[in-house]
PDB file of all heavy atoms in Angstrom:
ATOM      1  N   LEU A   1      83.588  91.697  82.489  1.00  0.00           N
ATOM      2  CA  LEU A   1      84.342  92.889  82.237  1.00  0.00           C
ATOM      3  C   LEU A   1      84.114  93.419  80.859  1.00  0.00           C
ATOM      4  O   LEU A   1      84.223  94.619  80.618  1.00  0.00           O
ATOM      5  CB  LEU A   1      85.886  92.497  82.362  1.00  0.00           C
ATOM      6  CG  LEU A   1      86.275  92.229  83.891  1.00  0.00           C
ATOM      7  CD1 LEU A   1      87.783  91.677  83.935  1.00  0.00           C
ATOM      8  CD2 LEU A   1      86.220  93.456  84.775  1.00  0.00           C
ATOM      9  N   THR A   2      83.796  92.502  79.884  1.00  0.00           N
ATOM     10  CA  THR A   2      83.528  92.978  78.560  1.00  0.00           C
ATOM     11  C   THR A   2      82.081  93.563  78.437  1.00  0.00           C
ATOM     12  O   THR A   2      82.004  94.621  77.767  1.00  0.00           O
ATOM     13  CB  THR A   2      83.523  91.732  77.599  1.00  0.00           C
ATOM     14  OG1 THR A   2      84.916  91.067  77.636  1.00  0.00           O
ATOM     15  CG2 THR A   2      83.431  92.112  76.119  1.00  0.00           C
ATOM     16  N   GLU A   3      81.192  93.054  79.107  1.00  0.00           N
ATOM     17  CA  GLU A   3      79.841  93.567  79.171  1.00  0.00           C
ATOM     18  C   GLU A   3      79.721  94.872  79.931  1.00  0.00           C
ATOM     19  O   GLU A   3      78.923  95.717  79.617  1.00  0.00           O
ATOM     20  CB  GLU A   3      78.834  92.581  79.697  1.00  0.00           C
ATOM     21  CG  GLU A   3      78.705  91.363  78.748  1.00  0.00           C
ATOM     22  CD  GLU A   3      77.833  90.223  79.408  1.00  0.00           C
ATOM     23  OE1 GLU A   3      77.434  90.437  80.676  1.00  0.00           O
ATOM     24  OE2 GLU A   3      77.531  89.244  78.872  1.00  0.00           O
ATOM     25  N   ARG A   4      80.396  94.916  80.951  1.00  0.00           N
ATOM     26  CA  ARG A   4      80.538  96.195  81.792  1.00  0.00           C
ATOM     27  C   ARG A   4      81.948  96.725  81.921  1.00  0.00           C
ATOM     28  O   ARG A   4      82.676  96.474  82.929  1.00  0.00           O
ATOM     29  CB  ARG A   4      79.993  95.844  83.188  1.00  0.00           C
ATOM     30  CG  ARG A   4      78.455  95.438  83.198  1.00  0.00           C
ATOM     31  CD  ARG A   4      78.030  94.969  84.571  1.00  0.00           C
ATOM     32  NE  ARG A   4      76.695  94.725  84.732  1.00  0.00           N
ATOM     33  CZ  ARG A   4      75.825  95.305  85.537  1.00  0.00           C
ATOM     34  NH1 ARG A   4      76.184  96.319  86.284  1.00  0.00           N
ATOM     35  NH2 ARG A   4      74.527  94.986  85.520  1.00  0.00           N
ATOM     36  N   PRO A   5      82.467  97.390  80.909  1.00  0.00           N
ATOM     37  CA  PRO A   5      83.786  97.978  80.964  1.00  0.00           C
ATOM     38  C   PRO A   5      84.152  98.681  82.141  1.00  0.00           C
ATOM     39  O   PRO A   5      85.349  98.532  82.685  1.00  0.00           O
ATOM     40  CB  PRO A   5      83.853  98.789  79.627  1.00  0.00           C
ATOM     41  CG  PRO A   5      82.785  98.355  78.823  1.00  0.00           C
ATOM     42  CD  PRO A   5      81.737  97.792  79.731  1.00  0.00           C
ATOM     43  N   SER A   6      83.221  99.403  82.678  1.00  0.00           N
ATOM     44  CA  SER A   6      83.508 100.296  83.904  1.00  0.00           C
ATOM     45  C   SER A   6      83.713  99.426  85.196  1.00  0.00           C
ATOM     46  O   SER A   6      84.072  99.973  86.217  1.00  0.00           O
ATOM     47  CB  SER A   6      82.488 101.361  84.087  1.00  0.00           C
ATOM     48  OG  SER A   6      81.201 100.712  84.202  1.00  0.00           O
ATOM     49  N   LEU A   7      83.354  98.196  85.030  1.00  0.00           N
ATOM     50  CA  LEU A   7      83.580  97.288  86.180  1.00  0.00           C
ATOM     51  C   LEU A   7      85.111  97.016  86.418  1.00  0.00           C
ATOM     52  O   LEU A   7      85.458  96.455  87.411  1.00  0.00           O
ATOM     53  CB  LEU A   7      82.856  95.931  85.920  1.00  0.00           C
ATOM     54  CG  LEU A   7      82.753  95.025  87.032  1.00  0.00           C
ATOM     55  CD1 LEU A   7      81.992  95.575  88.280  1.00  0.00           C
ATOM     56  CD2 LEU A   7      81.955  93.713  86.611  1.00  0.00           C
ATOM     57  N   GLU A   8      85.849  97.230  85.321  1.00  0.00           N
ATOM     58  CA  GLU A   8      87.326  96.974  85.423  1.00  0.00           C
ATOM     59  C   GLU A   8      87.962  97.729  86.484  1.00  0.00           C
ATOM     60  O   GLU A   8      88.973  97.205  87.127  1.00  0.00           O
ATOM     61  CB  GLU A   8      87.930  97.302  84.110  1.00  0.00           C
ATOM     62  CG  GLU A   8      89.445  96.745  84.041  1.00  0.00           C
ATOM     63  CD  GLU A   8      90.029  96.778  82.547  1.00  0.00           C
ATOM     64  OE1 GLU A   8      89.309  97.017  81.665  1.00  0.00           O
ATOM     65  OE2 GLU A   8      91.240  96.613  82.516  1.00  0.00           O
ATOM     66  N   SER A   9      87.605  98.955  86.788  1.00  0.00           N
ATOM     67  CA  SER A   9      88.211  99.675  87.925  1.00  0.00           C
ATOM     68  C   SER A   9      87.965  98.980  89.298  1.00  0.00           C
ATOM     69  O   SER A   9      88.863  98.841  90.119  1.00  0.00           O
ATOM     70  CB  SER A   9      87.625 101.045  87.923  1.00  0.00           C
ATOM     71  OG  SER A   9      88.047 101.868  86.926  1.00  0.00           O
ATOM     72  N   ALA A  10      86.737  98.488  89.530  1.00  0.00           N
ATOM     73  CA  ALA A  10      86.469  97.736  90.757  1.00  0.00           C
ATOM     74  C   ALA A  10      87.301  96.430  90.751  1.00  0.00           C
ATOM     75  O   ALA A  10      87.920  96.098  91.773  1.00  0.00           O
ATOM     76  CB  ALA A  10      85.090  97.403  90.784  1.00  0.00           C
ATOM     77  N   ALA A  11      87.450  95.889  89.612  1.00  0.00           N
ATOM     78  CA  ALA A  11      88.277  94.629  89.473  1.00  0.00           C
ATOM     79  C   ALA A  11      89.692  94.906  89.888  1.00  0.00           C
ATOM     80  O   ALA A  11      90.394  94.123  90.560  1.00  0.00           O
ATOM     81  CB  ALA A  11      88.121  94.023  88.086  1.00  0.00           C
ATOM     82  N   MET A  12      90.232  95.986  89.482  1.00  0.00           N
ATOM     83  CA  MET A  12      91.650  96.357  89.706  1.00  0.00           C
ATOM     84  C   MET A  12      91.796  96.707  91.168  1.00  0.00           C
ATOM     85  O   MET A  12      92.844  96.424  91.745  1.00  0.00           O
ATOM     86  CB  MET A  12      92.109  97.523  88.760  1.00  0.00           C
ATOM     87  CG  MET A  12      92.274  97.213  87.386  1.00  0.00           C
ATOM     88  SD  MET A  12      93.198  95.669  86.999  1.00  0.00           S
ATOM     89  CE  MET A  12      94.779  96.192  87.699  1.00  0.00           C
ATOM     90  N   LEU A  13      90.803  97.287  91.847  1.00  0.00           N
ATOM     91  CA  LEU A  13      90.754  97.460  93.213  1.00  0.00           C
ATOM     92  C   LEU A  13      90.860  96.167  93.958  1.00  0.00           C
ATOM     93  O   LEU A  13      91.584  95.981  94.912  1.00  0.00           O
ATOM     94  CB  LEU A  13      89.574  98.367  93.650  1.00  0.00           C
ATOM     95  CG  LEU A  13      89.581  99.788  93.420  1.00  0.00           C
ATOM     96  CD1 LEU A  13      88.140 100.340  93.764  1.00  0.00           C
ATOM     97  CD2 LEU A  13      90.709 100.524  94.187  1.00  0.00           C
ATOM     98  N   ILE A  14      90.179  95.223  93.450  1.00  0.00           N
ATOM     99  CA  ILE A  14      90.119  93.888  94.094  1.00  0.00           C
ATOM    100  C   ILE A  14      91.500  93.201  93.918  1.00  0.00           C
ATOM    101  O   ILE A  14      91.996  92.650  94.852  1.00  0.00           O
ATOM    102  CB  ILE A  14      88.950  93.037  93.505  1.00  0.00           C
ATOM    103  CG1 ILE A  14      87.608  93.537  93.937  1.00  0.00           C
ATOM    104  CG2 ILE A  14      89.134  91.482  93.922  1.00  0.00           C
ATOM    105  CD1 ILE A  14      86.406  92.859  93.250  1.00  0.00           C
ATOM    106  N   VAL A  15      92.048  93.386  92.646  1.00  0.00           N
ATOM    107  CA  VAL A  15      93.424  92.891  92.506  1.00  0.00           C
ATOM    108  C   VAL A  15      94.422  93.401  93.415  1.00  0.00           C
ATOM    109  O   VAL A  15      95.188  92.777  94.061  1.00  0.00           O
ATOM    110  CB  VAL A  15      93.820  93.188  90.971  1.00  0.00           C
ATOM    111  CG1 VAL A  15      95.403  92.898  90.777  1.00  0.00           C
ATOM    112  CG2 VAL A  15      92.994  92.310  90.029  1.00  0.00           C
ATOM    113  N   GLY A  16      94.347  94.732  93.634  1.00  0.00           N
ATOM    114  CA  GLY A  16      95.224  95.398  94.630  1.00  0.00           C
ATOM    115  C   GLY A  16      94.915  94.851  96.005  1.00  0.00           C
ATOM    116  O   GLY A  16      95.938  94.732  96.802  1.00  0.00           O
ATOM    117  N   TRP A  17      93.761  94.681  96.346  1.00  0.00           N
ATOM    118  CA  TRP A  17      93.337  94.170  97.660  1.00  0.00           C
ATOM    119  C   TRP A  17      93.900  92.763  97.808  1.00  0.00           C
ATOM    120  O   TRP A  17      94.309  92.375  99.032  1.00  0.00           O
ATOM    121  CB  TRP A  17      91.834  94.248  97.908  1.00  0.00           C
ATOM    122  CG  TRP A  17      91.315  93.778  99.253  1.00  0.00           C
ATOM    123  CD1 TRP A  17      90.421  92.834  99.545  1.00  0.00           C
ATOM    124  CD2 TRP A  17      91.687  94.298 100.529  1.00  0.00           C
ATOM    125  NE1 TRP A  17      90.220  92.702 100.906  1.00  0.00           N
ATOM    126  CE2 TRP A  17      90.992  93.653 101.559  1.00  0.00           C
ATOM    127  CE3 TRP A  17      92.609  95.371 100.901  1.00  0.00           C
ATOM    128  CZ2 TRP A  17      91.128  93.850 102.864  1.00  0.00           C
ATOM    129  CZ3 TRP A  17      92.777  95.653 102.321  1.00  0.00           C
ATOM    130  CH2 TRP A  17      92.006  94.827 103.232  1.00  0.00           C
ATOM    131  N   VAL A  18      93.849  91.930  96.876  1.00  0.00           N
ATOM    132  CA  VAL A  18      94.394  90.566  96.885  1.00  0.00           C
ATOM    133  C   VAL A  18      95.852  90.684  97.143  1.00  0.00           C
ATOM    134  O   VAL A  18      96.426  89.924  97.830  1.00  0.00           O
ATOM    135  CB  VAL A  18      94.148  89.828  95.649  1.00  0.00           C
ATOM    136  CG1 VAL A  18      94.803  88.496  95.530  1.00  0.00           C
ATOM    137  CG2 VAL A  18      92.581  89.523  95.530  1.00  0.00           C
ATOM    138  N   GLY A  19      96.476  91.695  96.514  1.00  0.00           N
ATOM    139  CA  GLY A  19      97.918  91.909  96.782  1.00  0.00           C
ATOM    140  C   GLY A  19      98.207  92.323  98.157  1.00  0.00           C
ATOM    141  O   GLY A  19      99.235  91.785  98.651  1.00  0.00           O
ATOM    142  N   VAL A  20      97.341  93.036  98.798  1.00  0.00           N
ATOM    143  CA  VAL A  20      97.487  93.439 100.198  1.00  0.00           C
ATOM    144  C   VAL A  20      97.309  92.047 101.073  1.00  0.00           C
ATOM    145  O   VAL A  20      98.119  91.911 102.056  1.00  0.00           O
ATOM    146  CB  VAL A  20      96.432  94.404 100.652  1.00  0.00           C
ATOM    147  CG1 VAL A  20      96.368  94.580 102.132  1.00  0.00           C
ATOM    148  CG2 VAL A  20      96.652  95.731  99.935  1.00  0.00           C
ATOM    149  N   LYS A  21      96.449  91.215 100.725  1.00  0.00           N
ATOM    150  CA  LYS A  21      96.266  90.008 101.371  1.00  0.00           C
ATOM    151  C   LYS A  21      97.579  89.097 101.323  1.00  0.00           C
ATOM    152  O   LYS A  21      98.058  88.631 102.347  1.00  0.00           O
ATOM    153  CB  LYS A  21      95.174  89.075 100.701  1.00  0.00           C
ATOM    154  CG  LYS A  21      94.948  87.767 101.526  1.00  0.00           C
ATOM    155  CD  LYS A  21      93.967  86.946 100.737  1.00  0.00           C
ATOM    156  CE  LYS A  21      94.707  86.135  99.709  1.00  0.00           C
ATOM    157  NZ  LYS A  21      93.880  84.986  99.187  1.00  0.00           N
ATOM    158  N   LEU A  22      98.174  89.063 100.084  1.00  0.00           N
ATOM    159  CA  LEU A  22      99.406  88.294 100.010  1.00  0.00           C
ATOM    160  C   LEU A  22     100.520  88.926 100.862  1.00  0.00           C
ATOM    161  O   LEU A  22     101.377  88.326 101.468  1.00  0.00           O
ATOM    162  CB  LEU A  22      99.829  88.206  98.548  1.00  0.00           C
ATOM    163  CG  LEU A  22      98.994  87.291  97.710  1.00  0.00           C
ATOM    164  CD1 LEU A  22      99.490  87.291  96.188  1.00  0.00           C
ATOM    165  CD2 LEU A  22      99.151  85.913  98.122  1.00  0.00           C
ATOM    166  N   ALA A  23     100.554  90.385 100.840  1.00  0.00           N
ATOM    167  CA  ALA A  23     101.473  91.035 101.614  1.00  0.00           C
ATOM    168  C   ALA A  23     101.375  90.749 103.156  1.00  0.00           C
ATOM    169  O   ALA A  23     102.367  90.542 103.868  1.00  0.00           O
ATOM    170  CB  ALA A  23     101.473  92.595 101.381  1.00  0.00           C
ATOM    171  N   VAL A  24     100.147  90.660 103.656  1.00  0.00           N
ATOM    172  CA  VAL A  24      99.859  90.374 104.985  1.00  0.00           C
ATOM    173  C   VAL A  24     100.379  88.975 105.325  1.00  0.00           C
ATOM    174  O   VAL A  24     101.056  88.699 106.387  1.00  0.00           O
ATOM    175  CB  VAL A  24      98.379  90.639 105.337  1.00  0.00           C
ATOM    176  CG1 VAL A  24      98.028  89.977 106.689  1.00  0.00           C
ATOM    177  CG2 VAL A  24      97.995  92.061 105.290  1.00  0.00           C
ATOM    178  N   HIS A  25     100.181  88.060 104.485  1.00  0.00           N
ATOM    179  CA  HIS A  25     100.607  86.660 104.653  1.00  0.00           C
ATOM    180  C   HIS A  25     102.109  86.671 104.716  1.00  0.00           C
ATOM    181  O   HIS A  25     102.721  85.868 105.461  1.00  0.00           O
ATOM    182  CB  HIS A  25     100.122  85.744 103.480  1.00  0.00           C
ATOM    183  CG  HIS A  25      98.666  85.241 103.787  1.00  0.00           C
ATOM    184  ND1 HIS A  25      98.371  84.031 104.251  1.00  0.00           N
ATOM    185  CD2 HIS A  25      97.564  85.865 103.652  1.00  0.00           C
ATOM    186  CE1 HIS A  25      97.072  83.800 104.320  1.00  0.00           C
ATOM    187  NE2 HIS A  25      96.548  85.010 104.039  1.00  0.00           N
ATOM    188  N   THR A  26     102.764  87.448 103.814  1.00  0.00           N
ATOM    189  CA  THR A  26     104.316  87.549 103.787  1.00  0.00           C
ATOM    190  C   THR A  26     104.840  88.011 105.106  1.00  0.00           C
ATOM    191  O   THR A  26     105.849  87.536 105.683  1.00  0.00           O
ATOM    192  CB  THR A  26     104.692  88.455 102.592  1.00  0.00           C
ATOM    193  OG1 THR A  26     104.274  87.939 101.444  1.00  0.00           O
ATOM    194  CG2 THR A  26     106.208  88.477 102.610  1.00  0.00           C
ATOM    195  N   LEU A  27     104.087  89.134 105.680  1.00  0.00           N
ATOM    196  CA  LEU A  27     104.575  89.696 106.902  1.00  0.00           C
ATOM    197  C   LEU A  27     104.357  88.749 108.125  1.00  0.00           C
ATOM    198  O   LEU A  27     104.979  88.865 109.148  1.00  0.00           O
ATOM    199  CB  LEU A  27     103.805  90.980 107.136  1.00  0.00           C
ATOM    200  CG  LEU A  27     104.084  92.151 106.163  1.00  0.00           C
ATOM    201  CD1 LEU A  27     103.128  93.324 106.457  1.00  0.00           C
ATOM    202  CD2 LEU A  27     105.561  92.541 106.282  1.00  0.00           C
ATOM    203  N   ALA A  28     103.529  87.718 107.953  1.00  0.00           N
ATOM    204  CA  ALA A  28     103.380  86.717 108.981  1.00  0.00           C
ATOM    205  C   ALA A  28     104.345  85.536 108.864  1.00  0.00           C
ATOM    206  O   ALA A  28     104.290  84.678 109.692  1.00  0.00           O
ATOM    207  CB  ALA A  28     102.006  86.264 109.055  1.00  0.00           C
ATOM    208  N   HIS A  29     105.128  85.527 107.721  1.00  0.00           N
ATOM    209  CA  HIS A  29     106.034  84.437 107.522  1.00  0.00           C
ATOM    210  C   HIS A  29     107.020  84.339 108.612  1.00  0.00           C
ATOM    211  O   HIS A  29     107.452  85.320 109.176  1.00  0.00           O
ATOM    212  CB  HIS A  29     106.729  84.610 106.135  1.00  0.00           C
ATOM    213  CG  HIS A  29     107.485  83.428 105.751  1.00  0.00           C
ATOM    214  ND1 HIS A  29     108.692  83.092 106.202  1.00  0.00           N
ATOM    215  CD2 HIS A  29     107.098  82.447 104.796  1.00  0.00           C
ATOM    216  CE1 HIS A  29     109.111  82.022 105.564  1.00  0.00           C
ATOM    217  NE2 HIS A  29     108.163  81.630 104.733  1.00  0.00           N
ATOM    218  N   ASP A  30     107.377  83.066 108.942  1.00  0.00           N
ATOM    219  CA  ASP A  30     108.293  82.890 110.115  1.00  0.00           C
ATOM    220  C   ASP A  30     109.655  83.689 109.920  1.00  0.00           C
ATOM    221  O   ASP A  30     110.207  84.076 111.017  1.00  0.00           O
ATOM    222  CB  ASP A  30     108.693  81.310 110.257  1.00  0.00           C
ATOM    223  CG  ASP A  30     107.476  80.574 110.651  1.00  0.00           C
ATOM    224  OD1 ASP A  30     106.595  81.198 111.364  1.00  0.00           O
ATOM    225  OD2 ASP A  30     107.402  79.391 110.416  1.00  0.00           O
ATOM    226  N   ALA A  31     110.083  83.799 108.694  1.00  0.00           N
ATOM    227  CA  ALA A  31     111.345  84.546 108.494  1.00  0.00           C
ATOM    228  C   ALA A  31     111.219  86.031 108.718  1.00  0.00           C
ATOM    229  O   ALA A  31     112.218  86.781 108.865  1.00  0.00           O
ATOM    230  CB  ALA A  31     111.875  84.236 107.098  1.00  0.00           C
ATOM    231  N   VAL A  32     109.956  86.510 108.564  1.00  0.00           N
ATOM    232  CA  VAL A  32     109.719  87.981 108.662  1.00  0.00           C
ATOM    233  C   VAL A  32     109.032  88.298 110.023  1.00  0.00           C
ATOM    234  O   VAL A  32     109.518  89.087 110.785  1.00  0.00           O
ATOM    235  CB  VAL A  32     108.749  88.469 107.563  1.00  0.00           C
ATOM    236  CG1 VAL A  32     108.603  90.032 107.661  1.00  0.00           C
ATOM    237  CG2 VAL A  32     109.369  88.175 106.209  1.00  0.00           C
ATOM    238  N   HIS A  33     107.908  87.739 110.256  1.00  0.00           N
ATOM    239  CA  HIS A  33     107.194  87.666 111.571  1.00  0.00           C
ATOM    240  C   HIS A  33     107.028  89.090 112.163  1.00  0.00           C
ATOM    241  O   HIS A  33     107.198  89.394 113.261  1.00  0.00           O
ATOM    242  CB  HIS A  33     108.045  86.797 112.584  1.00  0.00           C
ATOM    243  CG  HIS A  33     107.103  86.285 113.740  1.00  0.00           C
ATOM    244  ND1 HIS A  33     106.043  85.495 113.474  1.00  0.00           N
ATOM    245  CD2 HIS A  33     107.225  86.592 115.026  1.00  0.00           C
ATOM    246  CE1 HIS A  33     105.460  85.271 114.655  1.00  0.00           C
ATOM    247  NE2 HIS A  33     106.190  85.846 115.685  1.00  0.00           N
ATOM    248  N   LEU A  34     106.469  89.972 111.281  1.00  0.00           N
ATOM    249  CA  LEU A  34     106.092  91.213 111.738  1.00  0.00           C
ATOM    250  C   LEU A  34     104.586  91.290 112.173  1.00  0.00           C
ATOM    251  O   LEU A  34     104.178  92.141 112.944  1.00  0.00           O
ATOM    252  CB  LEU A  34     106.307  92.292 110.607  1.00  0.00           C
ATOM    253  CG  LEU A  34     107.770  92.629 110.252  1.00  0.00           C
ATOM    254  CD1 LEU A  34     107.817  93.581 109.055  1.00  0.00           C
ATOM    255  CD2 LEU A  34     108.527  93.107 111.406  1.00  0.00           C
ATOM    256  N   ILE A  35     103.811  90.269 111.757  1.00  0.00           N
ATOM    257  CA  ILE A  35     102.487  90.099 112.081  1.00  0.00           C
ATOM    258  C   ILE A  35     102.341  88.635 112.622  1.00  0.00           C
ATOM    259  O   ILE A  35     102.824  87.782 112.029  1.00  0.00           O
ATOM    260  CB  ILE A  35     101.564  90.310 110.896  1.00  0.00           C
ATOM    261  CG1 ILE A  35     101.603  91.776 110.368  1.00  0.00           C
ATOM    262  CG2 ILE A  35     100.090  89.932 111.344  1.00  0.00           C
ATOM    263  CD1 ILE A  35     100.857  92.003 109.130  1.00  0.00           C
ATOM    264  N   PRO A  36     101.613  88.442 113.715  1.00  0.00           N
ATOM    265  CA  PRO A  36     101.541  87.060 114.285  1.00  0.00           C
ATOM    266  C   PRO A  36     100.635  86.251 113.344  1.00  0.00           C
ATOM    267  O   PRO A  36      99.548  86.657 112.742  1.00  0.00           O
ATOM    268  CB  PRO A  36     100.850  87.286 115.574  1.00  0.00           C
ATOM    269  CG  PRO A  36     100.218  88.602 115.559  1.00  0.00           C
ATOM    270  CD  PRO A  36     101.169  89.402 114.554  1.00  0.00           C
ATOM    271  N   HIS A  37     100.901  84.892 113.245  1.00  0.00           N
ATOM    272  CA  HIS A  37     100.127  83.964 112.478  1.00  0.00           C
ATOM    273  C   HIS A  37      98.644  83.947 112.934  1.00  0.00           C
ATOM    274  O   HIS A  37      97.792  83.773 112.177  1.00  0.00           O
ATOM    275  CB  HIS A  37     100.691  82.565 112.601  1.00  0.00           C
ATOM    276  CG  HIS A  37     101.913  82.297 111.697  1.00  0.00           C
ATOM    277  ND1 HIS A  37     101.796  82.200 110.308  1.00  0.00           N
ATOM    278  CD2 HIS A  37     103.197  82.151 111.966  1.00  0.00           C
ATOM    279  CE1 HIS A  37     102.960  82.049 109.802  1.00  0.00           C
ATOM    280  NE2 HIS A  37     103.816  82.003 110.764  1.00  0.00           N
ATOM    281  N   SER A  38      98.544  84.085 114.232  1.00  0.00           N
ATOM    282  CA  SER A  38      97.164  83.983 114.811  1.00  0.00           C
ATOM    283  C   SER A  38      96.266  85.076 114.299  1.00  0.00           C
ATOM    284  O   SER A  38      95.004  84.910 114.079  1.00  0.00           O
ATOM    285  CB  SER A  38      97.202  84.133 116.322  1.00  0.00           C
ATOM    286  OG  SER A  38      97.938  85.304 116.729  1.00  0.00           O
ATOM    287  N   PHE A  39      96.839  86.242 113.927  1.00  0.00           N
ATOM    288  CA  PHE A  39      96.016  87.244 113.295  1.00  0.00           C
ATOM    289  C   PHE A  39      95.609  86.964 111.957  1.00  0.00           C
ATOM    290  O   PHE A  39      94.491  87.124 111.484  1.00  0.00           O
ATOM    291  CB  PHE A  39      96.815  88.618 113.425  1.00  0.00           C
ATOM    292  CG  PHE A  39      96.096  89.786 112.693  1.00  0.00           C
ATOM    293  CD1 PHE A  39      94.996  90.356 113.232  1.00  0.00           C
ATOM    294  CD2 PHE A  39      96.532  90.124 111.411  1.00  0.00           C
ATOM    295  CE1 PHE A  39      94.364  91.406 112.515  1.00  0.00           C
ATOM    296  CE2 PHE A  39      95.878  91.203 110.702  1.00  0.00           C
ATOM    297  CZ  PHE A  39      94.840  91.844 111.266  1.00  0.00           C
ATOM    298  N   VAL A  40      96.668  86.531 111.046  1.00  0.00           N
ATOM    299  CA  VAL A  40      96.425  86.225 109.706  1.00  0.00           C
ATOM    300  C   VAL A  40      95.396  84.979 109.506  1.00  0.00           C
ATOM    301  O   VAL A  40      94.545  85.096 108.514  1.00  0.00           O
ATOM    302  CB  VAL A  40      97.762  85.946 109.025  1.00  0.00           C
ATOM    303  CG1 VAL A  40      97.533  85.432 107.614  1.00  0.00           C
ATOM    304  CG2 VAL A  40      98.681  87.083 109.022  1.00  0.00           C
ATOM    305  N   GLU A  41      95.523  84.163 110.317  1.00  0.00           N
ATOM    306  CA  GLU A  41      94.688  82.928 110.281  1.00  0.00           C
ATOM    307  C   GLU A  41      93.323  83.084 111.048  1.00  0.00           C
ATOM    308  O   GLU A  41      92.588  82.137 110.999  1.00  0.00           O
ATOM    309  CB  GLU A  41      95.437  81.642 110.648  1.00  0.00           C
ATOM    310  CG  GLU A  41      96.580  81.291 109.829  1.00  0.00           C
ATOM    311  CD  GLU A  41      97.601  80.342 110.417  1.00  0.00           C
ATOM    312  OE1 GLU A  41      97.192  79.859 111.528  1.00  0.00           O
ATOM    313  OE2 GLU A  41      98.660  80.109 109.827  1.00  0.00           O
ATOM    314  N   GLY A  42      93.285  84.142 111.865  1.00  0.00           N
ATOM    315  CA  GLY A  42      92.081  84.346 112.782  1.00  0.00           C
ATOM    316  C   GLY A  42      90.870  84.951 112.031  1.00  0.00           C
ATOM    317  O   GLY A  42      90.980  85.388 110.868  1.00  0.00           O
TER     318      GLY A  42
END
């Protein structure tokens, strides 16, 4: 990120995408169960 400062925008997109992944896992939680576990783990 230091050598290629413009890479930071791609890194932040990845950070947001990781957030989406955690959100999907949350939606598959037994207490929420809006998405089936089979999809998240599949």
